[in-house]
Amino acid sequence: MGKPKQPFDMGEYKTDKLDIKAWLWGMRNGVYISPIAVTEGRWAIVITINSVENRDPKTYTKGDIWPKVYEYYKYYYKKNENKI
């Protein structure tokens, strides 16, 4: 039996009020943005809107992944906030 793998370090990100507001809006409106591991230390982002998946063609490192995830949430929140 092998030794269990350690989880990848995805870095830390301190959210602000707008990040949380945009994330909650996304959860309530079928917008889900998730990082997925591509290689050790690199992640891609999958954006699911009403069960339709799209993948960001770029990959990100631990210092970049969480800011980019929340940037996408804020983009969709701001794009649709007047339509609610």
PDB file of N, CA and C in Angstrom:
ATOM      1  N   MET A   1       0.837  -1.187   0.000  1.00  0.00           N
ATOM      2  CA  MET A   1       0.000   0.000   0.000  1.00  0.00           C
ATOM      3  C   MET A   1       0.874   1.239   0.000  1.00  0.00           C
ATOM      4  N   GLY A   2       0.467   2.178  -0.811  1.00  0.00           N
ATOM      5  CA  GLY A   2       1.224   3.415  -0.926  1.00  0.00           C
ATOM      6  C   GLY A   2       0.779   4.448   0.087  1.00  0.00           C
ATOM      7  N   LYS A   3       1.568   5.446   0.175  1.00  0.00           N
ATOM      8  CA  LYS A   3       1.272   6.570   1.054  1.00  0.00           C
ATOM      9  C   LYS A   3       0.199   7.433   0.401  1.00  0.00           C
ATOM     10  N   PRO A   4      -0.816   7.889   1.141  1.00  0.00           N
ATOM     11  CA  PRO A   4      -1.847   8.746   0.549  1.00  0.00           C
ATOM     12  C   PRO A   4      -1.248  10.053   0.031  1.00  0.00           C
ATOM     13  N   LYS A   5      -1.760  10.509  -1.097  1.00  0.00           N
ATOM     14  CA  LYS A   5      -1.286  11.776  -1.658  1.00  0.00           C
ATOM     15  C   LYS A   5      -1.765  12.944  -0.810  1.00  0.00           C
ATOM     16  N   GLN A   6      -0.916  13.930  -0.722  1.00  0.00           N
ATOM     17  CA  GLN A   6      -1.282  15.161  -0.027  1.00  0.00           C
ATOM     18  C   GLN A   6      -2.103  16.024  -0.988  1.00  0.00           C
ATOM     19  N   PRO A   7      -3.080  16.746  -0.484  1.00  0.00           N
ATOM     20  CA  PRO A   7      -3.855  17.616  -1.378  1.00  0.00           C
ATOM     21  C   PRO A   7      -2.977  18.736  -1.926  1.00  0.00           C
ATOM     22  N   PHE A   8      -3.314  19.197  -3.119  1.00  0.00           N
ATOM     23  CA  PHE A   8      -2.579  20.306  -3.720  1.00  0.00           C
ATOM     24  C   PHE A   8      -2.890  21.582  -2.965  1.00  0.00           C
ATOM     25  N   ASP A   9      -1.886  22.425  -2.833  1.00  0.00           N
ATOM     26  CA  ASP A   9      -2.064  23.733  -2.201  1.00  0.00           C
ATOM     27  C   ASP A   9      -2.630  24.684  -3.249  1.00  0.00           C
ATOM     28  N   MET A  10      -3.868  25.126  -3.037  1.00  0.00           N
ATOM     29  CA  MET A  10      -4.504  26.040  -3.983  1.00  0.00           C
ATOM     30  C   MET A  10      -4.328  27.496  -3.569  1.00  0.00           C
ATOM     31  N   GLY A  11      -3.540  27.745  -2.574  1.00  0.00           N
ATOM     32  CA  GLY A  11      -3.311  29.107  -2.133  1.00  0.00           C
ATOM     33  C   GLY A  11      -4.471  29.625  -1.298  1.00  0.00           C
ATOM     34  N   GLU A  12      -4.337  30.835  -0.854  1.00  0.00           N
ATOM     35  CA  GLU A  12      -5.371  31.466  -0.034  1.00  0.00           C
ATOM     36  C   GLU A  12      -5.865  32.716  -0.734  1.00  0.00           C
ATOM     37  N   TYR A  13      -7.104  33.059  -0.432  1.00  0.00           N
ATOM     38  CA  TYR A  13      -7.696  34.272  -0.990  1.00  0.00           C
ATOM     39  C   TYR A  13      -8.661  34.826   0.043  1.00  0.00           C
ATOM     40  N   LYS A  14      -8.548  36.092   0.337  1.00  0.00           N
ATOM     41  CA  LYS A  14      -9.436  36.731   1.294  1.00  0.00           C
ATOM     42  C   LYS A  14     -10.578  37.386   0.519  1.00  0.00           C
ATOM     43  N   THR A  15     -11.785  36.858   0.720  1.00  0.00           N
ATOM     44  CA  THR A  15     -12.949  37.388   0.014  1.00  0.00           C
ATOM     45  C   THR A  15     -13.419  38.693   0.652  1.00  0.00           C
ATOM     46  N   ASP A  16     -14.067  39.514  -0.158  1.00  0.00           N
ATOM     47  CA  ASP A  16     -14.691  40.723   0.366  1.00  0.00           C
ATOM     48  C   ASP A  16     -16.210  40.577   0.235  1.00  0.00           C
ATOM     49  N   LYS A  17     -16.937  41.606   0.620  1.00  0.00           N
ATOM     50  CA  LYS A  17     -18.405  41.526   0.597  1.00  0.00           C
ATOM     51  C   LYS A  17     -18.957  41.316  -0.802  1.00  0.00           C
ATOM     52  N   LEU A  18     -18.369  41.962  -1.803  1.00  0.00           N
ATOM     53  CA  LEU A  18     -18.842  41.789  -3.172  1.00  0.00           C
ATOM     54  C   LEU A  18     -18.593  40.366  -3.677  1.00  0.00           C
ATOM     55  N   ASP A  19     -17.441  39.785  -3.309  1.00  0.00           N
ATOM     56  CA  ASP A  19     -17.159  38.393  -3.682  1.00  0.00           C
ATOM     57  C   ASP A  19     -18.248  37.467  -3.161  1.00  0.00           C
ATOM     58  N   ILE A  20     -18.596  37.622  -1.892  1.00  0.00           N
ATOM     59  CA  ILE A  20     -19.608  36.762  -1.270  1.00  0.00           C
ATOM     60  C   ILE A  20     -20.979  37.020  -1.877  1.00  0.00           C
ATOM     61  N   LYS A  21     -21.307  38.272  -2.114  1.00  0.00           N
ATOM     62  CA  LYS A  21     -22.600  38.609  -2.719  1.00  0.00           C
ATOM     63  C   LYS A  21     -22.717  37.996  -4.114  1.00  0.00           C
ATOM     64  N   ALA A  22     -21.658  38.094  -4.914  1.00  0.00           N
ATOM     65  CA  ALA A  22     -21.662  37.527  -6.262  1.00  0.00           C
ATOM     66  C   ALA A  22     -21.729  36.006  -6.216  1.00  0.00           C
ATOM     67  N   TRP A  23     -21.000  35.383  -5.307  1.00  0.00           N
ATOM     68  CA  TRP A  23     -21.024  33.925  -5.160  1.00  0.00           C
ATOM     69  C   TRP A  23     -22.423  33.450  -4.761  1.00  0.00           C
ATOM     70  N   LEU A  24     -23.032  34.106  -3.783  1.00  0.00           N
ATOM     71  CA  LEU A  24     -24.387  33.724  -3.366  1.00  0.00           C
ATOM     72  C   LEU A  24     -25.382  33.913  -4.500  1.00  0.00           C
ATOM     73  N   TRP A  25     -25.252  35.010  -5.249  1.00  0.00           N
ATOM     74  CA  TRP A  25     -26.121  35.216  -6.391  1.00  0.00           C
ATOM     75  C   TRP A  25     -25.972  34.055  -7.385  1.00  0.00           C
ATOM     76  N   GLY A  26     -24.727  33.657  -7.628  1.00  0.00           N
ATOM     77  CA  GLY A  26     -24.470  32.549  -8.543  1.00  0.00           C
ATOM     78  C   GLY A  26     -25.123  31.255  -8.071  1.00  0.00           C
ATOM     79  N   MET A  27     -24.975  30.938  -6.793  1.00  0.00           N
ATOM     80  CA  MET A  27     -25.568  29.711  -6.251  1.00  0.00           C
ATOM     81  C   MET A  27     -27.090  29.725  -6.393  1.00  0.00           C
ATOM     82  N   ARG A  28     -27.689  30.869  -6.221  1.00  0.00           N
ATOM     83  CA  ARG A  28     -29.151  30.983  -6.291  1.00  0.00           C
ATOM     84  C   ARG A  28     -29.683  31.021  -7.724  1.00  0.00           C
ATOM     85  N   ASN A  29     -28.800  31.278  -8.688  1.00  0.00           N
ATOM     86  CA  ASN A  29     -29.245  31.460 -10.059  1.00  0.00           C
ATOM     87  C   ASN A  29     -28.618  30.470 -11.049  1.00  0.00           C
ATOM     88  N   GLY A  30     -28.109  29.372 -10.555  1.00  0.00           N
ATOM     89  CA  GLY A  30     -27.598  28.322 -11.431  1.00  0.00           C
ATOM     90  C   GLY A  30     -26.279  28.617 -12.105  1.00  0.00           C
ATOM     91  N   VAL A  31     -25.462  29.469 -11.490  1.00  0.00           N
ATOM     92  CA  VAL A  31     -24.131  29.781 -12.022  1.00  0.00           C
ATOM     93  C   VAL A  31     -23.112  29.205 -11.040  1.00  0.00           C
ATOM     94  N   TYR A  32     -22.366  28.194 -11.497  1.00  0.00           N
ATOM     95  CA  TYR A  32     -21.382  27.526 -10.648  1.00  0.00           C
ATOM     96  C   TYR A  32     -20.020  27.608 -11.325  1.00  0.00           C
ATOM     97  N   ILE A  33     -19.036  28.097 -10.596  1.00  0.00           N
ATOM     98  CA  ILE A  33     -17.694  28.276 -11.136  1.00  0.00           C
ATOM     99  C   ILE A  33     -16.737  27.507 -10.243  1.00  0.00           C
ATOM    100  N   SER A  34     -16.053  26.525 -10.846  1.00  0.00           N
ATOM    101  CA  SER A  34     -15.238  25.607 -10.061  1.00  0.00           C
ATOM    102  C   SER A  34     -13.855  25.428 -10.658  1.00  0.00           C
ATOM    103  N   PRO A  35     -12.828  25.413  -9.803  1.00  0.00           N
ATOM    104  CA  PRO A  35     -11.500  25.048 -10.289  1.00  0.00           C
ATOM    105  C   PRO A  35     -11.394  23.526 -10.383  1.00  0.00           C
ATOM    106  N   ILE A  36     -10.691  23.050 -11.409  1.00  0.00           N
ATOM    107  CA  ILE A  36     -10.407  21.618 -11.526  1.00  0.00           C
ATOM    108  C   ILE A  36      -8.917  21.447 -11.772  1.00  0.00           C
ATOM    109  N   ALA A  37      -8.340  20.420 -11.178  1.00  0.00           N
ATOM    110  CA  ALA A  37      -6.910  20.171 -11.329  1.00  0.00           C
ATOM    111  C   ALA A  37      -6.610  19.687 -12.743  1.00  0.00           C
ATOM    112  N   VAL A  38      -5.588  20.280 -13.344  1.00  0.00           N
ATOM    113  CA  VAL A  38      -5.132  19.866 -14.670  1.00  0.00           C
ATOM    114  C   VAL A  38      -3.841  19.073 -14.507  1.00  0.00           C
ATOM    115  N   THR A  39      -2.914  19.639 -13.779  1.00  0.00           N
ATOM    116  CA  THR A  39      -1.670  18.973 -13.406  1.00  0.00           C
ATOM    117  C   THR A  39      -1.364  19.411 -11.982  1.00  0.00           C
ATOM    118  N   GLU A  40      -0.338  18.854 -11.425  1.00  0.00           N
ATOM    119  CA  GLU A  40       0.037  19.269 -10.083  1.00  0.00           C
ATOM    120  C   GLU A  40       0.461  20.734 -10.119  1.00  0.00           C
ATOM    121  N   GLY A  41      -0.279  21.574  -9.402  1.00  0.00           N
ATOM    122  CA  GLY A  41       0.037  22.992  -9.338  1.00  0.00           C
ATOM    123  C   GLY A  41      -0.623  23.854 -10.414  1.00  0.00           C
ATOM    124  N   ARG A  42      -1.460  23.268 -11.280  1.00  0.00           N
ATOM    125  CA  ARG A  42      -2.163  24.028 -12.319  1.00  0.00           C
ATOM    126  C   ARG A  42      -3.636  23.648 -12.305  1.00  0.00           C
ATOM    127  N   TRP A  43      -4.496  24.661 -12.421  1.00  0.00           N
ATOM    128  CA  TRP A  43      -5.936  24.443 -12.417  1.00  0.00           C
ATOM    129  C   TRP A  43      -6.578  25.141 -13.599  1.00  0.00           C
ATOM    130  N   ALA A  44      -7.678  24.572 -14.062  1.00  0.00           N
ATOM    131  CA  ALA A  44      -8.536  25.207 -15.058  1.00  0.00           C
ATOM    132  C   ALA A  44      -9.826  25.589 -14.337  1.00  0.00           C
ATOM    133  N   ILE A  45     -10.662  26.353 -14.998  1.00  0.00           N
ATOM    134  CA  ILE A  45     -11.927  26.779 -14.402  1.00  0.00           C
ATOM    135  C   ILE A  45     -13.066  26.300 -15.290  1.00  0.00           C
ATOM    136  N   VAL A  46     -14.042  25.644 -14.647  1.00  0.00           N
ATOM    137  CA  VAL A  46     -15.243  25.202 -15.344  1.00  0.00           C
ATOM    138  C   VAL A  46     -16.393  26.088 -14.881  1.00  0.00           C
ATOM    139  N   ILE A  47     -17.099  26.664 -15.845  1.00  0.00           N
ATOM    140  CA  ILE A  47     -18.243  27.527 -15.564  1.00  0.00           C
ATOM    141  C   ILE A  47     -19.493  26.787 -16.021  1.00  0.00           C
ATOM    142  N   THR A  48     -20.393  26.531 -15.079  1.00  0.00           N
ATOM    143  CA  THR A  48     -21.634  25.835 -15.386  1.00  0.00           C
ATOM    144  C   THR A  48     -22.792  26.796 -15.166  1.00  0.00           C
ATOM    145  N   ILE A  49     -23.545  27.042 -16.230  1.00  0.00           N
ATOM    146  CA  ILE A  49     -24.708  27.929 -16.157  1.00  0.00           C
ATOM    147  C   ILE A  49     -25.910  27.136 -16.639  1.00  0.00           C
ATOM    148  N   ASN A  50     -26.849  26.918 -15.711  1.00  0.00           N
ATOM    149  CA  ASN A  50     -28.062  26.143 -16.029  1.00  0.00           C
ATOM    150  C   ASN A  50     -27.717  24.820 -16.708  1.00  0.00           C
ATOM    151  N   SER A  51     -26.801  24.078 -16.132  1.00  0.00           N
ATOM    152  CA  SER A  51     -26.368  22.739 -16.565  1.00  0.00           C
ATOM    153  C   SER A  51     -25.551  22.720 -17.852  1.00  0.00           C
ATOM    154  N   VAL A  52     -25.180  23.862 -18.399  1.00  0.00           N
ATOM    155  CA  VAL A  52     -24.323  23.926 -19.582  1.00  0.00           C
ATOM    156  C   VAL A  52     -22.917  24.296 -19.116  1.00  0.00           C
ATOM    157  N   GLU A  53     -21.951  23.408 -19.413  1.00  0.00           N
ATOM    158  CA  GLU A  53     -20.574  23.622 -18.957  1.00  0.00           C
ATOM    159  C   GLU A  53     -19.716  24.270 -20.031  1.00  0.00           C
ATOM    160  N   ASN A  54     -18.885  25.212 -19.606  1.00  0.00           N
ATOM    161  CA  ASN A  54     -17.860  25.821 -20.438  1.00  0.00           C
ATOM    162  C   ASN A  54     -16.570  25.834 -19.634  1.00  0.00           C
ATOM    163  N   ARG A  55     -15.458  25.676 -20.325  1.00  0.00           N
ATOM    164  CA  ARG A  55     -14.171  25.634 -19.630  1.00  0.00           C
ATOM    165  C   ARG A  55     -13.292  26.776 -20.111  1.00  0.00           C
ATOM    166  N   ASP A  56     -12.717  27.487 -19.172  1.00  0.00           N
ATOM    167  CA  ASP A  56     -11.750  28.530 -19.485  1.00  0.00           C
ATOM    168  C   ASP A  56     -10.537  27.836 -20.121  1.00  0.00           C
ATOM    169  N   PRO A  57     -10.083  28.277 -21.287  1.00  0.00           N
ATOM    170  CA  PRO A  57      -8.966  27.594 -21.947  1.00  0.00           C
ATOM    171  C   PRO A  57      -7.622  27.799 -21.251  1.00  0.00           C
ATOM    172  N   LYS A  58      -7.535  28.783 -20.389  1.00  0.00           N
ATOM    173  CA  LYS A  58      -6.281  29.042 -19.673  1.00  0.00           C
ATOM    174  C   LYS A  58      -6.192  28.162 -18.431  1.00  0.00           C
ATOM    175  N   THR A  59      -4.981  28.014 -17.918  1.00  0.00           N
ATOM    176  CA  THR A  59      -4.783  27.352 -16.631  1.00  0.00           C
ATOM    177  C   THR A  59      -4.139  28.361 -15.681  1.00  0.00           C
ATOM    178  N   TYR A  60      -4.311  28.109 -14.391  1.00  0.00           N
ATOM    179  CA  TYR A  60      -3.881  29.063 -13.371  1.00  0.00           C
ATOM    180  C   TYR A  60      -3.074  28.372 -12.292  1.00  0.00           C
ATOM    181  N   THR A  61      -2.207  29.140 -11.646  1.00  0.00           N
ATOM    182  CA  THR A  61      -1.409  28.625 -10.532  1.00  0.00           C
ATOM    183  C   THR A  61      -2.100  28.950  -9.215  1.00  0.00           C
ATOM    184  N   LYS A  62      -1.504  28.494  -8.123  1.00  0.00           N
ATOM    185  CA  LYS A  62      -2.163  28.662  -6.823  1.00  0.00           C
ATOM    186  C   LYS A  62      -2.391  30.123  -6.442  1.00  0.00           C
ATOM    187  N   GLY A  63      -1.570  31.021  -6.882  1.00  0.00           N
ATOM    188  CA  GLY A  63      -1.759  32.422  -6.554  1.00  0.00           C
ATOM    189  C   GLY A  63      -2.815  33.110  -7.403  1.00  0.00           C
ATOM    190  N   ASP A  64      -3.177  32.471  -8.504  1.00  0.00           N
ATOM    191  CA  ASP A  64      -4.102  33.086  -9.455  1.00  0.00           C
ATOM    192  C   ASP A  64      -5.491  32.469  -9.473  1.00  0.00           C
ATOM    193  N   ILE A  65      -5.645  31.246  -9.000  1.00  0.00           N
ATOM    194  CA  ILE A  65      -6.891  30.515  -9.221  1.00  0.00           C
ATOM    195  C   ILE A  65      -8.083  31.140  -8.496  1.00  0.00           C
ATOM    196  N   TRP A  66      -7.976  31.410  -7.206  1.00  0.00           N
ATOM    197  CA  TRP A  66      -9.134  31.933  -6.466  1.00  0.00           C
ATOM    198  C   TRP A  66      -9.528  33.341  -6.892  1.00  0.00           C
ATOM    199  N   PRO A  67      -8.586  34.265  -7.113  1.00  0.00           N
ATOM    200  CA  PRO A  67      -8.999  35.575  -7.616  1.00  0.00           C
ATOM    201  C   PRO A  67      -9.740  35.467  -8.952  1.00  0.00           C
ATOM    202  N   LYS A  68      -9.324  34.543  -9.820  1.00  0.00           N
ATOM    203  CA  LYS A  68      -9.982  34.389 -11.114  1.00  0.00           C
ATOM    204  C   LYS A  68     -11.386  33.797 -10.958  1.00  0.00           C
ATOM    205  N   VAL A  69     -11.560  32.835 -10.057  1.00  0.00           N
ATOM    206  CA  VAL A  69     -12.882  32.253  -9.804  1.00  0.00           C
ATOM    207  C   VAL A  69     -13.849  33.356  -9.368  1.00  0.00           C
ATOM    208  N   TYR A  70     -13.434  34.165  -8.416  1.00  0.00           N
ATOM    209  CA  TYR A  70     -14.312  35.238  -7.934  1.00  0.00           C
ATOM    210  C   TYR A  70     -14.481  36.348  -8.964  1.00  0.00           C
ATOM    211  N   GLU A  71     -13.480  36.559  -9.795  1.00  0.00           N
ATOM    212  CA  GLU A  71     -13.629  37.531 -10.884  1.00  0.00           C
ATOM    213  C   GLU A  71     -14.755  37.084 -11.821  1.00  0.00           C
ATOM    214  N   TYR A  72     -14.820  35.799 -12.136  1.00  0.00           N
ATOM    215  CA  TYR A  72     -15.907  35.279 -12.976  1.00  0.00           C
ATOM    216  C   TYR A  72     -17.262  35.437 -12.289  1.00  0.00           C
ATOM    217  N   TYR A  73     -17.336  35.093 -10.992  1.00  0.00           N
ATOM    218  CA  TYR A  73     -18.604  35.267 -10.271  1.00  0.00           C
ATOM    219  C   TYR A  73     -19.064  36.721 -10.333  1.00  0.00           C
ATOM    220  N   LYS A  74     -18.134  37.646 -10.106  1.00  0.00           N
ATOM    221  CA  LYS A  74     -18.500  39.069 -10.140  1.00  0.00           C
ATOM    222  C   LYS A  74     -18.900  39.507 -11.540  1.00  0.00           C
ATOM    223  N   TYR A  75     -18.266  38.968 -12.561  1.00  0.00           N
ATOM    224  CA  TYR A  75     -18.626  39.291 -13.936  1.00  0.00           C
ATOM    225  C   TYR A  75     -20.087  38.920 -14.205  1.00  0.00           C
ATOM    226  N   TYR A  76     -20.463  37.676 -13.880  1.00  0.00           N
ATOM    227  CA  TYR A  76     -21.837  37.237 -14.142  1.00  0.00           C
ATOM    228  C   TYR A  76     -22.845  37.953 -13.246  1.00  0.00           C
ATOM    229  N   TYR A  77     -22.450  38.242 -12.025  1.00  0.00           N
ATOM    230  CA  TYR A  77     -23.331  38.979 -11.122  1.00  0.00           C
ATOM    231  C   TYR A  77     -23.612  40.387 -11.667  1.00  0.00           C
ATOM    232  N   LYS A  78     -22.559  41.104 -12.030  1.00  0.00           N
ATOM    233  CA  LYS A  78     -22.718  42.473 -12.527  1.00  0.00           C
ATOM    234  C   LYS A  78     -23.449  42.502 -13.864  1.00  0.00           C
ATOM    235  N   LYS A  79     -23.196  41.505 -14.706  1.00  0.00           N
ATOM    236  CA  LYS A  79     -23.850  41.423 -16.004  1.00  0.00           C
ATOM    237  C   LYS A  79     -25.360  41.235 -15.873  1.00  0.00           C
ATOM    238  N   ASN A  80     -25.779  40.553 -14.815  1.00  0.00           N
ATOM    239  CA  ASN A  80     -27.185  40.190 -14.665  1.00  0.00           C
ATOM    240  C   ASN A  80     -27.900  40.865 -13.498  1.00  0.00           C
ATOM    241  N   GLU A  81     -27.243  41.727 -12.729  1.00  0.00           N
ATOM    242  CA  GLU A  81     -27.859  42.271 -11.536  1.00  0.00           C
ATOM    243  C   GLU A  81     -29.087  43.124 -11.836  1.00  0.00           C
ATOM    244  N   ASN A  82     -29.158  43.758 -12.973  1.00  0.00           N
ATOM    245  CA  ASN A  82     -30.318  44.576 -13.317  1.00  0.00           C
ATOM    246  C   ASN A  82     -31.476  43.767 -13.884  1.00  0.00           C
ATOM    247  N   LYS A  83     -31.232  42.502 -14.179  1.00  0.00           N
ATOM    248  CA  LYS A  83     -32.263  41.640 -14.757  1.00  0.00           C
ATOM    249  C   LYS A  83     -33.012  40.852 -13.704  1.00  0.00           C
ATOM    250  N   ILE A  84     -32.637  41.010 -12.459  1.00  0.00           N
ATOM    251  CA  ILE A  84     -33.244  40.241 -11.369  1.00  0.00           C
ATOM    252  C   ILE A  84     -34.540  40.894 -10.926  1.00  0.00           C
TER     253      ILE A  84
END
